[in-house]
Amino acid sequence: MMQAFETWLARVLILNSGLTFGVCLGWLGAPQGSGELPWLYAAALLGLVSGLLALRGKPAGWCGSLLYYGVQLVSYYPLGAGTPWSLKAGLSLGVVLTFPSAIVVLNLLALLLWALSAALLWRSVRQRLL
């Protein structure tokens, strides 16, 4: 049962990285600026490699998954002068928090997948130590 869940979560990671490649190539969403593309390609490659490692049962796959979902957790958009920060890769379901100086978007789907990946990493490392 747990092995099937790990396989499913690794496949979701590979699907998300595929969607990120779709964003990079302009197939999904608005075309990205040239400054954002290297970050998106790096995230897509990280997700793909991490998903493949996770499918093979390697803890490094879940570590990469934590990085992949970690950069997608929060997006920041200042309301005045300033530089926005966001990485729109994969699936997103968020909560928008409006502050006097900025808008912050918390990606709940990335948070859920990050937490599940952390739990599987903890389980995998614990099994290897015992």
C-alpha atoms as a PDB file:
ATOM      1  CA  MET A   1       0.000   0.000   0.000  1.00  0.00           C
ATOM      2  CA  MET A   2       2.705   2.485   0.972  1.00  0.00           C
ATOM      3  CA  GLN A   3       4.806   1.550  -2.064  1.00  0.00           C
ATOM      4  CA  ALA A   4       1.853   2.363  -4.329  1.00  0.00           C
ATOM      5  CA  PHE A   5       1.473   5.772  -2.654  1.00  0.00           C
ATOM      6  CA  GLU A   6       5.192   6.533  -3.085  1.00  0.00           C
ATOM      7  CA  THR A   7       4.955   5.572  -6.763  1.00  0.00           C
ATOM      8  CA  TRP A   8       1.889   7.754  -7.206  1.00  0.00           C
ATOM      9  CA  LEU A   9       3.562  10.761  -5.555  1.00  0.00           C
ATOM     10  CA  ALA A  10       6.706  10.306  -7.675  1.00  0.00           C
ATOM     11  CA  ARG A  11       4.534  10.224 -10.801  1.00  0.00           C
ATOM     12  CA  VAL A  12       2.783  13.427  -9.714  1.00  0.00           C
ATOM     13  CA  LEU A  13       6.226  15.024  -9.387  1.00  0.00           C
ATOM     14  CA  ILE A  14       7.129  13.899 -12.917  1.00  0.00           C
ATOM     15  CA  LEU A  15       3.779  15.226 -14.197  1.00  0.00           C
ATOM     16  CA  ASN A  16       4.417  18.579 -12.508  1.00  0.00           C
ATOM     17  CA  SER A  17       7.868  18.797 -14.059  1.00  0.00           C
ATOM     18  CA  GLY A  18       6.320  18.017 -17.447  1.00  0.00           C
ATOM     19  CA  LEU A  19       3.883  20.874 -16.939  1.00  0.00           C
ATOM     20  CA  THR A  20       6.836  23.093 -16.070  1.00  0.00           C
ATOM     21  CA  PHE A  21       8.480  22.163 -19.372  1.00  0.00           C
ATOM     22  CA  GLY A  22       5.176  23.098 -21.048  1.00  0.00           C
ATOM     23  CA  VAL A  23       5.329  26.513 -19.370  1.00  0.00           C
ATOM     24  CA  CYS A  24       8.962  26.922 -20.480  1.00  0.00           C
ATOM     25  CA  LEU A  25       8.095  26.145 -24.092  1.00  0.00           C
ATOM     26  CA  GLY A  26       5.095  28.497 -24.078  1.00  0.00           C
ATOM     27  CA  TRP A  27       2.525  25.733 -24.493  1.00  0.00           C
ATOM     28  CA  LEU A  28       0.859  26.526 -21.143  1.00  0.00           C
ATOM     29  CA  GLY A  29       0.098  30.031 -19.958  1.00  0.00           C
ATOM     30  CA  ALA A  30       1.603  33.297 -21.096  1.00  0.00           C
ATOM     31  CA  PRO A  31       5.080  33.323 -22.635  1.00  0.00           C
ATOM     32  CA  GLN A  32       7.758  33.746 -19.982  1.00  0.00           C
ATOM     33  CA  GLY A  33      10.403  36.452 -19.981  1.00  0.00           C
ATOM     34  CA  SER A  34      13.955  35.532 -20.870  1.00  0.00           C
ATOM     35  CA  GLY A  35      15.067  36.220 -17.288  1.00  0.00           C
ATOM     36  CA  GLU A  36      12.661  33.640 -15.884  1.00  0.00           C
ATOM     37  CA  LEU A  37      13.328  30.838 -18.360  1.00  0.00           C
ATOM     38  CA  PRO A  38      16.607  29.549 -16.890  1.00  0.00           C
ATOM     39  CA  TRP A  39      14.943  29.230 -13.475  1.00  0.00           C
ATOM     40  CA  LEU A  40      11.960  27.442 -14.971  1.00  0.00           C
ATOM     41  CA  TYR A  41      14.157  25.031 -16.924  1.00  0.00           C
ATOM     42  CA  ALA A  42      16.211  24.345 -13.795  1.00  0.00           C
ATOM     43  CA  ALA A  43      13.034  23.661 -11.804  1.00  0.00           C
ATOM     44  CA  ALA A  44      11.693  21.378 -14.537  1.00  0.00           C
ATOM     45  CA  LEU A  45      14.929  19.385 -14.680  1.00  0.00           C
ATOM     46  CA  LEU A  46      15.073  19.193 -10.884  1.00  0.00           C
ATOM     47  CA  GLY A  47      11.495  17.874 -10.783  1.00  0.00           C
ATOM     48  CA  LEU A  48      12.113  15.325 -13.520  1.00  0.00           C
ATOM     49  CA  VAL A  49      15.348  13.970 -12.031  1.00  0.00           C
ATOM     50  CA  SER A  50      13.849  13.957  -8.535  1.00  0.00           C
ATOM     51  CA  GLY A  51      10.766  12.109  -9.731  1.00  0.00           C
ATOM     52  CA  LEU A  52      12.840   9.464 -11.479  1.00  0.00           C
ATOM     53  CA  LEU A  53      15.019   9.000  -8.386  1.00  0.00           C
ATOM     54  CA  ALA A  54      11.924   8.776  -6.182  1.00  0.00           C
ATOM     55  CA  LEU A  55      10.476   6.102  -8.477  1.00  0.00           C
ATOM     56  CA  ARG A  56      13.638   4.083  -7.883  1.00  0.00           C
ATOM     57  CA  GLY A  57      13.211   4.457  -4.116  1.00  0.00           C
ATOM     58  CA  LYS A  58      16.145   6.820  -3.577  1.00  0.00           C
ATOM     59  CA  PRO A  59      15.921   9.345  -0.705  1.00  0.00           C
ATOM     60  CA  ALA A  60      17.654  11.900  -2.938  1.00  0.00           C
ATOM     61  CA  GLY A  61      14.489  11.959  -5.032  1.00  0.00           C
ATOM     62  CA  TRP A  62      12.447  13.150  -2.068  1.00  0.00           C
ATOM     63  CA  CYS A  63      15.146  15.722  -1.175  1.00  0.00           C
ATOM     64  CA  GLY A  64      14.888  17.120  -4.694  1.00  0.00           C
ATOM     65  CA  SER A  65      11.118  17.087  -4.384  1.00  0.00           C
ATOM     66  CA  LEU A  66      11.388  19.273  -1.282  1.00  0.00           C
ATOM     67  CA  LEU A  67      13.465  21.779  -3.269  1.00  0.00           C
ATOM     68  CA  TYR A  68      11.134  21.624  -6.284  1.00  0.00           C
ATOM     69  CA  TYR A  69       7.994  22.295  -4.263  1.00  0.00           C
ATOM     70  CA  GLY A  70       9.779  24.601  -1.818  1.00  0.00           C
ATOM     71  CA  VAL A  71      10.450  27.298  -4.412  1.00  0.00           C
ATOM     72  CA  GLN A  72       6.782  27.227  -5.433  1.00  0.00           C
ATOM     73  CA  LEU A  73       5.334  27.724  -1.945  1.00  0.00           C
ATOM     74  CA  VAL A  74       5.246  31.523  -1.883  1.00  0.00           C
ATOM     75  CA  SER A  75       4.937  34.220  -4.546  1.00  0.00           C
ATOM     76  CA  TYR A  76       5.548  37.872  -3.673  1.00  0.00           C
ATOM     77  CA  TYR A  77       4.257  40.862  -5.635  1.00  0.00           C
ATOM     78  CA  PRO A  78       5.067  44.355  -4.243  1.00  0.00           C
ATOM     79  CA  LEU A  79       2.414  47.041  -4.787  1.00  0.00           C
ATOM     80  CA  GLY A  80       4.887  49.843  -5.368  1.00  0.00           C
ATOM     81  CA  ALA A  81       8.438  49.847  -6.549  1.00  0.00           C
ATOM     82  CA  GLY A  82      10.190  46.576  -6.057  1.00  0.00           C
ATOM     83  CA  THR A  83      10.901  43.268  -7.651  1.00  0.00           C
ATOM     84  CA  PRO A  84       8.243  40.562  -7.643  1.00  0.00           C
ATOM     85  CA  TRP A  85       9.273  36.989  -6.922  1.00  0.00           C
ATOM     86  CA  SER A  86       7.384  33.957  -8.093  1.00  0.00           C
ATOM     87  CA  LEU A  87       8.030  30.653  -9.775  1.00  0.00           C
ATOM     88  CA  LYS A  88       4.946  29.382 -11.541  1.00  0.00           C
ATOM     89  CA  ALA A  89       5.795  25.774 -12.280  1.00  0.00           C
ATOM     90  CA  GLY A  90       3.437  22.829 -12.275  1.00  0.00           C
ATOM     91  CA  LEU A  91       0.004  22.842 -10.697  1.00  0.00           C
ATOM     92  CA  SER A  92      -1.062  25.650  -8.400  1.00  0.00           C
ATOM     93  CA  LEU A  93      -3.929  26.191  -5.996  1.00  0.00           C
ATOM     94  CA  GLY A  94      -3.297  29.190  -3.831  1.00  0.00           C
ATOM     95  CA  VAL A  95      -4.515  31.566  -1.189  1.00  0.00           C
ATOM     96  CA  VAL A  96      -3.998  35.263  -1.884  1.00  0.00           C
ATOM     97  CA  LEU A  97      -2.956  37.382   1.088  1.00  0.00           C
ATOM     98  CA  THR A  98      -3.218  41.145   0.549  1.00  0.00           C
ATOM     99  CA  PHE A  99      -1.029  43.431   2.642  1.00  0.00           C
ATOM    100  CA  PRO A 100      -0.662  47.241   2.450  1.00  0.00           C
ATOM    101  CA  SER A 101       2.675  46.964   0.617  1.00  0.00           C
ATOM    102  CA  ALA A 102       2.447  43.653  -1.247  1.00  0.00           C
ATOM    103  CA  ILE A 103       0.400  40.686  -2.330  1.00  0.00           C
ATOM    104  CA  VAL A 104       1.594  37.262  -1.206  1.00  0.00           C
ATOM    105  CA  VAL A 105       0.272  34.056  -2.738  1.00  0.00           C
ATOM    106  CA  LEU A 106       0.609  30.829  -0.759  1.00  0.00           C
ATOM    107  CA  ASN A 107       0.439  27.765  -3.035  1.00  0.00           C
ATOM    108  CA  LEU A 108      -1.553  25.237  -0.995  1.00  0.00           C
ATOM    109  CA  LEU A 109      -1.065  22.404  -3.470  1.00  0.00           C
ATOM    110  CA  ALA A 110       2.718  22.845  -3.373  1.00  0.00           C
ATOM    111  CA  LEU A 111       2.514  22.962   0.437  1.00  0.00           C
ATOM    112  CA  LEU A 112       0.599  19.677   0.537  1.00  0.00           C
ATOM    113  CA  LEU A 113       2.967  17.943  -1.892  1.00  0.00           C
ATOM    114  CA  TRP A 114       5.975  19.357  -0.005  1.00  0.00           C
ATOM    115  CA  ALA A 115       4.639  17.962   3.287  1.00  0.00           C
ATOM    116  CA  LEU A 116       3.946  14.540   1.746  1.00  0.00           C
ATOM    117  CA  SER A 117       7.444  14.473   0.255  1.00  0.00           C
ATOM    118  CA  ALA A 118       8.938  15.411   3.630  1.00  0.00           C
ATOM    119  CA  ALA A 119       7.028  12.583   5.305  1.00  0.00           C
ATOM    120  CA  LEU A 120       8.207  10.069   2.704  1.00  0.00           C
ATOM    121  CA  LEU A 121      11.802  11.303   3.020  1.00  0.00           C
ATOM    122  CA  TRP A 122      11.626  10.930   6.803  1.00  0.00           C
ATOM    123  CA  ARG A 123      10.162   7.437   6.423  1.00  0.00           C
ATOM    124  CA  SER A 124      12.796   6.429   3.871  1.00  0.00           C
ATOM    125  CA  VAL A 125      15.709   7.678   5.965  1.00  0.00           C
ATOM    126  CA  ARG A 126      14.289   6.066   9.112  1.00  0.00           C
ATOM    127  CA  GLN A 127      13.959   2.697   7.343  1.00  0.00           C
ATOM    128  CA  ARG A 128      17.555   2.868   6.123  1.00  0.00           C
ATOM    129  CA  LEU A 129      18.834   3.634   9.642  1.00  0.00           C
ATOM    130  CA  LEU A 130      16.943   0.787  11.283  1.00  0.00           C
END
